[in-house]
């Protein structure tokens, strides 16, 4: 049973990574399309209207999917996002505060 669950966690983690890669690809396509349209407009050509429709909503759904798919595997490994990373970046508190 434990091996089956570990396999399920690993599969869910891989799917979460795929969701994040998909978000990155969609955003990159959107940026490239806008750059191409802007460049065509600068040289006097008609823009092609290259865009990913509803990109914000699609990316939101993929982000929620990635978050929930990664939860089980992260909990199983004892990993989590630590506040200490933020605290290390901020520095030590001033004496007396």
Foldseek 3Di string as FASTA:
>chain_A
DVVVVLVQLVVLQVLLVVLVVVLVVQVVQQVVLVVQQVVCVVVPHHRPPRHDPPSVVSNVVSNVSSVVSNVVNCVVVVHDDDCVVVVVVVDDDDPPD
